[in-house]
Amino acid sequence: MFTRQDRLKIFNQKKKKVERRTNKEGIITEKVIPGFENTTFEQFEEWFDETTFNQGCNYCGTTNHRSLELYQMQRAGLRPDATRGGKRGKRLELDRVDPRQPYDNLQNLVWCCYWCNNAKSNFFTAEEFKPIAVAMRAALSAI
């Protein structure tokens, strides 16, 4: 069961971020990481549905529990580590069905496993990703 604090953590992790870096020449660059800009935590809480979350990845069906198992395999060295240094893969993530829409469009968000989210990236729409998701389901369930 998700507590309010759990939901707040998910919400805060998905806020828009701007990373500023300075290169060797002293030039500052900015990388924008899309996320919530105008959505409030209260709106996110209203949208959040634990039953939907527990159904698993919108694309391949991987559950939150299975995501954690796969994550732990990697962190234990049983599989090559693709968790970006342990930062991702512990649980389902938020994905935009249509990547051209902002995260603030809550009706465009679904729960997605790390592996589908990575493969879908910001390139495919949900419809375009369906054949890939079938293969992802087979591959992840075989592990």
N, C-alpha and C. Protein backbone atom coordinates (compact mmCIF):
# COMPACT_ATOMS: atom_id res chain seq x y z
N MET A 1 0.84 -1.18 0.00
CA MET A 1 0.00 0.00 0.00
C MET A 1 0.89 1.25 0.00
N PHE A 2 0.53 2.20 -0.82
CA PHE A 2 1.29 3.43 -0.94
C PHE A 2 0.82 4.45 0.09
N THR A 3 1.76 5.02 0.79
CA THR A 3 1.45 6.08 1.73
C THR A 3 1.48 7.41 0.98
N ARG A 4 1.01 8.42 1.63
CA ARG A 4 1.07 9.77 1.05
C ARG A 4 2.52 10.14 0.78
N GLN A 5 3.41 9.74 1.69
CA GLN A 5 4.84 10.04 1.53
C GLN A 5 5.41 9.34 0.30
N ASP A 6 4.98 8.09 0.04
CA ASP A 6 5.41 7.36 -1.16
C ASP A 6 4.97 8.12 -2.42
N ARG A 7 3.73 8.55 -2.43
CA ARG A 7 3.21 9.29 -3.60
C ARG A 7 3.94 10.62 -3.77
N LEU A 8 4.25 11.28 -2.67
CA LEU A 8 4.98 12.54 -2.74
C LEU A 8 6.38 12.33 -3.32
N LYS A 9 7.01 11.24 -2.94
CA LYS A 9 8.34 10.94 -3.48
C LYS A 9 8.28 10.74 -4.99
N ILE A 10 7.30 9.97 -5.46
CA ILE A 10 7.13 9.75 -6.90
C ILE A 10 6.89 11.09 -7.59
N PHE A 11 6.01 11.90 -7.03
CA PHE A 11 5.69 13.20 -7.61
C PHE A 11 6.93 14.07 -7.69
N ASN A 12 7.67 14.18 -6.61
CA ASN A 12 8.86 15.04 -6.58
C ASN A 12 9.95 14.57 -7.54
N GLN A 13 10.07 13.25 -7.71
CA GLN A 13 11.06 12.73 -8.65
C GLN A 13 10.70 13.06 -10.09
N LYS A 14 9.43 13.29 -10.37
CA LYS A 14 8.99 13.55 -11.73
C LYS A 14 8.80 15.03 -12.03
N LYS A 15 9.23 15.90 -11.15
CA LYS A 15 9.17 17.34 -11.44
C LYS A 15 10.22 17.69 -12.50
N LYS A 16 9.90 18.68 -13.29
CA LYS A 16 10.84 19.17 -14.30
C LYS A 16 12.13 19.62 -13.62
N LYS A 17 13.25 19.26 -14.25
CA LYS A 17 14.56 19.64 -13.71
C LYS A 17 15.40 20.29 -14.80
N VAL A 18 16.25 21.19 -14.40
CA VAL A 18 17.21 21.79 -15.31
C VAL A 18 18.59 21.54 -14.73
N GLU A 19 19.40 20.76 -15.46
CA GLU A 19 20.76 20.48 -15.02
C GLU A 19 21.70 21.45 -15.71
N ARG A 20 22.49 22.13 -14.92
CA ARG A 20 23.48 23.07 -15.47
C ARG A 20 24.86 22.48 -15.31
N ARG A 21 25.63 22.53 -16.39
CA ARG A 21 27.00 21.99 -16.37
C ARG A 21 27.94 23.01 -16.97
N THR A 22 29.14 23.00 -16.48
CA THR A 22 30.18 23.87 -17.01
C THR A 22 31.26 22.98 -17.61
N ASN A 23 31.58 23.21 -18.90
CA ASN A 23 32.61 22.39 -19.53
C ASN A 23 34.01 22.96 -19.24
N LYS A 24 35.03 22.33 -19.79
CA LYS A 24 36.42 22.73 -19.53
C LYS A 24 36.71 24.17 -19.95
N GLU A 25 35.99 24.64 -20.94
CA GLU A 25 36.19 26.01 -21.43
C GLU A 25 35.39 27.03 -20.62
N GLY A 26 34.66 26.57 -19.63
CA GLY A 26 33.87 27.47 -18.80
C GLY A 26 32.50 27.80 -19.37
N ILE A 27 32.11 27.10 -20.42
CA ILE A 27 30.81 27.35 -21.04
C ILE A 27 29.75 26.56 -20.28
N ILE A 28 28.69 27.25 -19.90
CA ILE A 28 27.60 26.63 -19.15
C ILE A 28 26.54 26.14 -20.13
N THR A 29 26.16 24.88 -19.96
CA THR A 29 25.08 24.31 -20.77
C THR A 29 23.97 23.87 -19.83
N GLU A 30 22.77 23.85 -20.37
CA GLU A 30 21.62 23.41 -19.60
C GLU A 30 20.95 22.24 -20.30
N LYS A 31 20.58 21.25 -19.53
CA LYS A 31 19.83 20.11 -20.03
C LYS A 31 18.50 20.10 -19.29
N VAL A 32 17.41 20.17 -20.03
CA VAL A 32 16.08 20.16 -19.42
C VAL A 32 15.58 18.72 -19.39
N ILE A 33 15.19 18.28 -18.21
CA ILE A 33 14.60 16.96 -18.03
C ILE A 33 13.11 17.19 -17.82
N PRO A 34 12.30 16.77 -18.81
CA PRO A 34 10.86 17.04 -18.71
C PRO A 34 10.23 16.43 -17.46
N GLY A 35 9.19 17.05 -17.00
CA GLY A 35 8.46 16.57 -15.83
C GLY A 35 7.31 17.51 -15.53
N PHE A 36 6.74 17.32 -14.36
CA PHE A 36 5.63 18.18 -13.94
C PHE A 36 6.10 19.62 -13.82
N GLU A 37 5.36 20.53 -14.44
CA GLU A 37 5.64 21.96 -14.30
C GLU A 37 4.51 22.66 -13.56
N ASN A 38 3.28 22.36 -13.96
CA ASN A 38 2.11 23.05 -13.40
C ASN A 38 1.23 22.15 -12.54
N THR A 39 1.45 20.86 -12.61
CA THR A 39 0.63 19.92 -11.83
C THR A 39 0.99 20.02 -10.36
N THR A 40 -0.01 20.09 -9.51
CA THR A 40 0.23 20.13 -8.07
C THR A 40 0.21 18.70 -7.53
N PHE A 41 0.76 18.56 -6.35
CA PHE A 41 0.74 17.25 -5.71
C PHE A 41 -0.69 16.79 -5.47
N GLU A 42 -1.57 17.71 -5.13
CA GLU A 42 -2.97 17.37 -4.90
C GLU A 42 -3.61 16.81 -6.17
N GLN A 43 -3.30 17.39 -7.32
CA GLN A 43 -3.82 16.89 -8.59
C GLN A 43 -3.24 15.49 -8.89
N PHE A 44 -1.96 15.32 -8.61
CA PHE A 44 -1.33 14.01 -8.82
C PHE A 44 -1.97 12.96 -7.91
N GLU A 45 -2.21 13.32 -6.66
CA GLU A 45 -2.85 12.39 -5.73
C GLU A 45 -4.24 11.99 -6.20
N GLU A 46 -4.98 12.94 -6.73
CA GLU A 46 -6.31 12.65 -7.25
C GLU A 46 -6.23 11.69 -8.44
N TRP A 47 -5.20 11.86 -9.27
CA TRP A 47 -5.00 11.01 -10.44
C TRP A 47 -4.53 9.61 -10.04
N PHE A 48 -3.66 9.53 -9.03
CA PHE A 48 -3.03 8.27 -8.64
C PHE A 48 -4.08 7.23 -8.24
N ASP A 49 -3.97 6.05 -8.84
CA ASP A 49 -4.89 4.96 -8.53
C ASP A 49 -4.05 3.71 -8.28
N GLU A 50 -4.04 3.27 -7.04
CA GLU A 50 -3.19 2.14 -6.67
C GLU A 50 -3.57 0.86 -7.41
N THR A 51 -4.84 0.68 -7.71
CA THR A 51 -5.27 -0.51 -8.45
C THR A 51 -4.63 -0.54 -9.83
N THR A 52 -4.63 0.60 -10.51
CA THR A 52 -3.99 0.69 -11.83
C THR A 52 -2.49 0.45 -11.70
N PHE A 53 -1.87 1.03 -10.69
CA PHE A 53 -0.45 0.84 -10.45
C PHE A 53 -0.14 -0.65 -10.27
N ASN A 54 -0.96 -1.33 -9.49
CA ASN A 54 -0.73 -2.75 -9.19
C ASN A 54 -0.96 -3.67 -10.39
N GLN A 55 -1.60 -3.17 -11.44
CA GLN A 55 -1.79 -3.98 -12.65
C GLN A 55 -0.49 -4.13 -13.41
N GLY A 56 0.49 -3.30 -13.12
CA GLY A 56 1.80 -3.44 -13.75
C GLY A 56 1.99 -2.52 -14.94
N CYS A 57 3.08 -2.77 -15.64
CA CYS A 57 3.46 -1.96 -16.79
C CYS A 57 2.35 -1.95 -17.83
N ASN A 58 2.01 -0.78 -18.27
CA ASN A 58 0.97 -0.59 -19.29
C ASN A 58 1.31 -1.31 -20.58
N TYR A 59 2.58 -1.57 -20.83
CA TYR A 59 3.01 -2.14 -22.10
C TYR A 59 3.26 -3.65 -22.03
N CYS A 60 4.04 -4.10 -21.05
CA CYS A 60 4.40 -5.52 -21.01
C CYS A 60 3.79 -6.27 -19.83
N GLY A 61 3.21 -5.54 -18.86
CA GLY A 61 2.57 -6.18 -17.73
C GLY A 61 3.48 -6.48 -16.55
N THR A 62 4.77 -6.16 -16.65
CA THR A 62 5.68 -6.39 -15.53
C THR A 62 5.16 -5.66 -14.30
N THR A 63 5.05 -6.37 -13.18
CA THR A 63 4.52 -5.76 -11.97
C THR A 63 5.60 -4.98 -11.23
N ASN A 64 5.17 -4.18 -10.29
CA ASN A 64 6.11 -3.44 -9.46
C ASN A 64 7.01 -4.41 -8.70
N HIS A 65 6.43 -5.48 -8.16
CA HIS A 65 7.21 -6.48 -7.43
C HIS A 65 8.27 -7.12 -8.33
N ARG A 66 7.89 -7.46 -9.56
CA ARG A 66 8.83 -8.07 -10.51
C ARG A 66 9.91 -7.07 -10.90
N SER A 67 9.56 -5.81 -11.03
CA SER A 67 10.56 -4.78 -11.33
C SER A 67 11.64 -4.76 -10.25
N LEU A 68 11.22 -4.84 -9.01
CA LEU A 68 12.18 -4.84 -7.90
C LEU A 68 13.06 -6.09 -7.96
N GLU A 69 12.49 -7.24 -8.28
CA GLU A 69 13.28 -8.47 -8.40
C GLU A 69 14.35 -8.33 -9.49
N LEU A 70 13.96 -7.80 -10.65
CA LEU A 70 14.91 -7.62 -11.75
C LEU A 70 15.99 -6.61 -11.36
N TYR A 71 15.60 -5.56 -10.69
CA TYR A 71 16.54 -4.56 -10.20
C TYR A 71 17.57 -5.21 -9.25
N GLN A 72 17.07 -6.01 -8.32
CA GLN A 72 17.96 -6.64 -7.35
C GLN A 72 18.92 -7.63 -8.01
N MET A 73 18.48 -8.31 -9.05
CA MET A 73 19.37 -9.20 -9.80
C MET A 73 20.56 -8.42 -10.36
N GLN A 74 20.27 -7.26 -10.89
CA GLN A 74 21.32 -6.44 -11.48
C GLN A 74 22.27 -5.91 -10.41
N ARG A 75 21.70 -5.40 -9.35
CA ARG A 75 22.53 -4.82 -8.29
C ARG A 75 23.39 -5.88 -7.61
N ALA A 76 22.92 -7.15 -7.62
CA ALA A 76 23.68 -8.24 -7.01
C ALA A 76 24.73 -8.81 -7.96
N GLY A 77 24.75 -8.32 -9.21
CA GLY A 77 25.73 -8.80 -10.17
C GLY A 77 25.30 -10.04 -10.93
N LEU A 78 24.04 -10.45 -10.78
CA LEU A 78 23.56 -11.63 -11.48
C LEU A 78 23.19 -11.34 -12.94
N ARG A 79 23.01 -10.10 -13.25
CA ARG A 79 22.71 -9.62 -14.61
C ARG A 79 23.53 -8.35 -14.82
N PRO A 80 23.83 -8.01 -16.08
CA PRO A 80 24.51 -6.73 -16.30
C PRO A 80 23.65 -5.58 -15.75
N ASP A 81 24.30 -4.62 -15.15
CA ASP A 81 23.57 -3.52 -14.50
C ASP A 81 23.15 -2.47 -15.52
N ALA A 82 21.84 -2.33 -15.67
CA ALA A 82 21.28 -1.31 -16.57
C ALA A 82 20.45 -0.31 -15.78
N THR A 83 20.69 -0.22 -14.46
CA THR A 83 19.86 0.61 -13.60
C THR A 83 20.33 2.05 -13.49
N ARG A 84 21.31 2.41 -14.32
CA ARG A 84 21.90 3.75 -14.27
C ARG A 84 22.44 4.05 -12.87
N GLY A 85 23.27 3.10 -12.43
CA GLY A 85 23.90 3.26 -11.13
C GLY A 85 22.96 3.08 -9.95
N GLY A 86 21.91 2.32 -10.15
CA GLY A 86 20.96 2.07 -9.08
C GLY A 86 19.89 3.12 -8.94
N LYS A 87 19.86 4.08 -9.87
CA LYS A 87 18.88 5.17 -9.77
C LYS A 87 17.51 4.81 -10.31
N ARG A 88 17.45 3.83 -11.22
CA ARG A 88 16.16 3.49 -11.83
C ARG A 88 15.95 1.99 -11.84
N GLY A 89 14.69 1.59 -11.93
CA GLY A 89 14.35 0.20 -12.08
C GLY A 89 13.77 -0.46 -10.84
N LYS A 90 13.80 0.21 -9.71
CA LYS A 90 13.26 -0.38 -8.47
C LYS A 90 11.76 -0.55 -8.53
N ARG A 91 11.09 0.34 -9.23
CA ARG A 91 9.64 0.33 -9.26
C ARG A 91 9.16 0.83 -10.61
N LEU A 92 7.87 0.71 -10.84
CA LEU A 92 7.28 1.23 -12.07
C LEU A 92 7.49 2.74 -12.13
N GLU A 93 7.54 3.25 -13.35
CA GLU A 93 7.78 4.67 -13.59
C GLU A 93 6.60 5.26 -14.36
N LEU A 94 6.53 6.56 -14.39
CA LEU A 94 5.51 7.25 -15.17
C LEU A 94 5.99 7.40 -16.61
N ASP A 95 5.10 7.13 -17.54
CA ASP A 95 5.42 7.30 -18.96
C ASP A 95 4.32 8.07 -19.64
N ARG A 96 4.70 8.84 -20.64
CA ARG A 96 3.72 9.57 -21.45
C ARG A 96 3.34 8.70 -22.64
N VAL A 97 2.06 8.38 -22.76
CA VAL A 97 1.57 7.58 -23.88
C VAL A 97 1.98 8.26 -25.19
N ASP A 98 1.73 9.53 -25.29
CA ASP A 98 2.17 10.32 -26.43
C ASP A 98 3.29 11.22 -25.92
N PRO A 99 4.54 10.93 -26.30
CA PRO A 99 5.67 11.67 -25.75
C PRO A 99 5.71 13.15 -26.13
N ARG A 100 4.86 13.55 -27.07
CA ARG A 100 4.81 14.97 -27.45
C ARG A 100 4.00 15.80 -26.47
N GLN A 101 3.21 15.11 -25.62
CA GLN A 101 2.38 15.79 -24.62
C GLN A 101 3.19 16.01 -23.34
N PRO A 102 2.89 17.07 -22.60
CA PRO A 102 3.63 17.30 -21.35
C PRO A 102 3.19 16.35 -20.24
N TYR A 103 4.04 16.21 -19.25
CA TYR A 103 3.69 15.39 -18.09
C TYR A 103 2.48 15.96 -17.36
N ASP A 104 2.25 17.24 -17.50
CA ASP A 104 1.11 17.88 -16.84
C ASP A 104 -0.23 17.36 -17.36
N ASN A 105 -0.25 16.75 -18.53
CA ASN A 105 -1.47 16.13 -19.04
C ASN A 105 -1.59 14.76 -18.38
N LEU A 106 -2.18 14.71 -17.21
CA LEU A 106 -2.25 13.48 -16.42
C LEU A 106 -2.98 12.36 -17.14
N GLN A 107 -3.90 12.69 -18.03
CA GLN A 107 -4.64 11.65 -18.76
C GLN A 107 -3.74 10.96 -19.78
N ASN A 108 -2.58 11.50 -20.04
CA ASN A 108 -1.62 10.93 -20.98
C ASN A 108 -0.58 10.06 -20.27
N LEU A 109 -0.67 9.94 -18.94
CA LEU A 109 0.33 9.19 -18.18
C LEU A 109 -0.14 7.77 -17.89
N VAL A 110 0.81 6.84 -17.93
CA VAL A 110 0.57 5.44 -17.55
C VAL A 110 1.77 4.96 -16.74
N TRP A 111 1.58 3.83 -16.04
CA TRP A 111 2.68 3.20 -15.32
C TRP A 111 3.41 2.28 -16.28
N CYS A 112 4.71 2.27 -16.16
CA CYS A 112 5.56 1.58 -17.12
C CYS A 112 6.79 1.03 -16.38
N CYS A 113 7.23 -0.17 -16.76
CA CYS A 113 8.46 -0.68 -16.15
C CYS A 113 9.65 0.08 -16.74
N TYR A 114 10.74 0.03 -16.04
CA TYR A 114 11.96 0.72 -16.46
C TYR A 114 12.40 0.28 -17.85
N TRP A 115 12.29 -1.03 -18.14
CA TRP A 115 12.81 -1.55 -19.40
C TRP A 115 11.96 -1.09 -20.57
N CYS A 116 10.65 -1.08 -20.43
CA CYS A 116 9.79 -0.54 -21.50
C CYS A 116 9.98 0.96 -21.63
N ASN A 117 10.07 1.65 -20.49
CA ASN A 117 10.24 3.10 -20.52
C ASN A 117 11.53 3.47 -21.25
N ASN A 118 12.58 2.72 -20.99
CA ASN A 118 13.86 2.98 -21.65
C ASN A 118 13.76 2.71 -23.15
N ALA A 119 13.14 1.58 -23.52
CA ALA A 119 13.04 1.21 -24.93
C ALA A 119 12.10 2.14 -25.70
N LYS A 120 10.99 2.52 -25.07
CA LYS A 120 10.02 3.40 -25.72
C LYS A 120 10.59 4.80 -25.87
N SER A 121 11.36 5.21 -24.88
CA SER A 121 11.98 6.54 -24.82
C SER A 121 10.97 7.63 -25.15
N ASN A 122 11.41 8.68 -25.75
CA ASN A 122 10.51 9.76 -26.18
C ASN A 122 10.26 9.68 -27.68
N PHE A 123 10.55 8.51 -28.24
CA PHE A 123 10.46 8.35 -29.69
C PHE A 123 9.14 7.74 -30.13
N PHE A 124 8.70 6.67 -29.45
CA PHE A 124 7.50 5.96 -29.86
C PHE A 124 6.26 6.43 -29.11
N THR A 125 5.14 6.40 -29.79
CA THR A 125 3.86 6.53 -29.09
C THR A 125 3.51 5.14 -28.54
N ALA A 126 2.52 5.06 -27.69
CA ALA A 126 2.11 3.78 -27.13
C ALA A 126 1.70 2.81 -28.24
N GLU A 127 0.98 3.30 -29.21
CA GLU A 127 0.52 2.45 -30.32
C GLU A 127 1.71 1.90 -31.10
N GLU A 128 2.68 2.73 -31.39
CA GLU A 128 3.87 2.30 -32.13
C GLU A 128 4.71 1.31 -31.33
N PHE A 129 4.64 1.42 -30.01
CA PHE A 129 5.46 0.59 -29.15
C PHE A 129 4.88 -0.81 -28.91
N LYS A 130 3.62 -1.04 -29.24
CA LYS A 130 2.94 -2.31 -28.94
C LYS A 130 3.72 -3.55 -29.40
N PRO A 131 4.21 -3.62 -30.65
CA PRO A 131 4.93 -4.84 -31.05
C PRO A 131 6.22 -5.05 -30.24
N ILE A 132 6.86 -3.98 -29.86
CA ILE A 132 8.07 -4.08 -29.05
C ILE A 132 7.71 -4.57 -27.65
N ALA A 133 6.59 -4.10 -27.13
CA ALA A 133 6.14 -4.50 -25.80
C ALA A 133 5.87 -6.00 -25.73
N VAL A 134 5.37 -6.58 -26.81
CA VAL A 134 5.13 -8.03 -26.84
C VAL A 134 6.46 -8.75 -26.64
N ALA A 135 7.48 -8.30 -27.33
CA ALA A 135 8.81 -8.91 -27.19
C ALA A 135 9.38 -8.65 -25.81
N MET A 136 9.16 -7.47 -25.26
CA MET A 136 9.64 -7.13 -23.91
C MET A 136 9.00 -8.07 -22.89
N ARG A 137 7.71 -8.30 -23.01
CA ARG A 137 7.00 -9.20 -22.09
C ARG A 137 7.64 -10.59 -22.11
N ALA A 138 7.88 -11.10 -23.30
CA ALA A 138 8.48 -12.44 -23.44
C ALA A 138 9.89 -12.47 -22.86
N ALA A 139 10.67 -11.48 -23.16
CA ALA A 139 12.06 -11.45 -22.68
C ALA A 139 12.13 -11.31 -21.16
N LEU A 140 11.35 -10.41 -20.60
CA LEU A 140 11.40 -10.19 -19.15
C LEU A 140 10.83 -11.36 -18.37
N SER A 141 9.84 -12.03 -18.92
CA SER A 141 9.28 -13.18 -18.20
C SER A 141 10.18 -14.40 -18.28
N ALA A 142 11.10 -14.42 -19.25
CA ALA A 142 12.02 -15.55 -19.41
C ALA A 142 13.22 -15.47 -18.44
N ILE A 143 13.41 -14.33 -17.85
CA ILE A 143 14.56 -14.13 -16.93
C ILE A 143 14.25 -14.74 -15.60
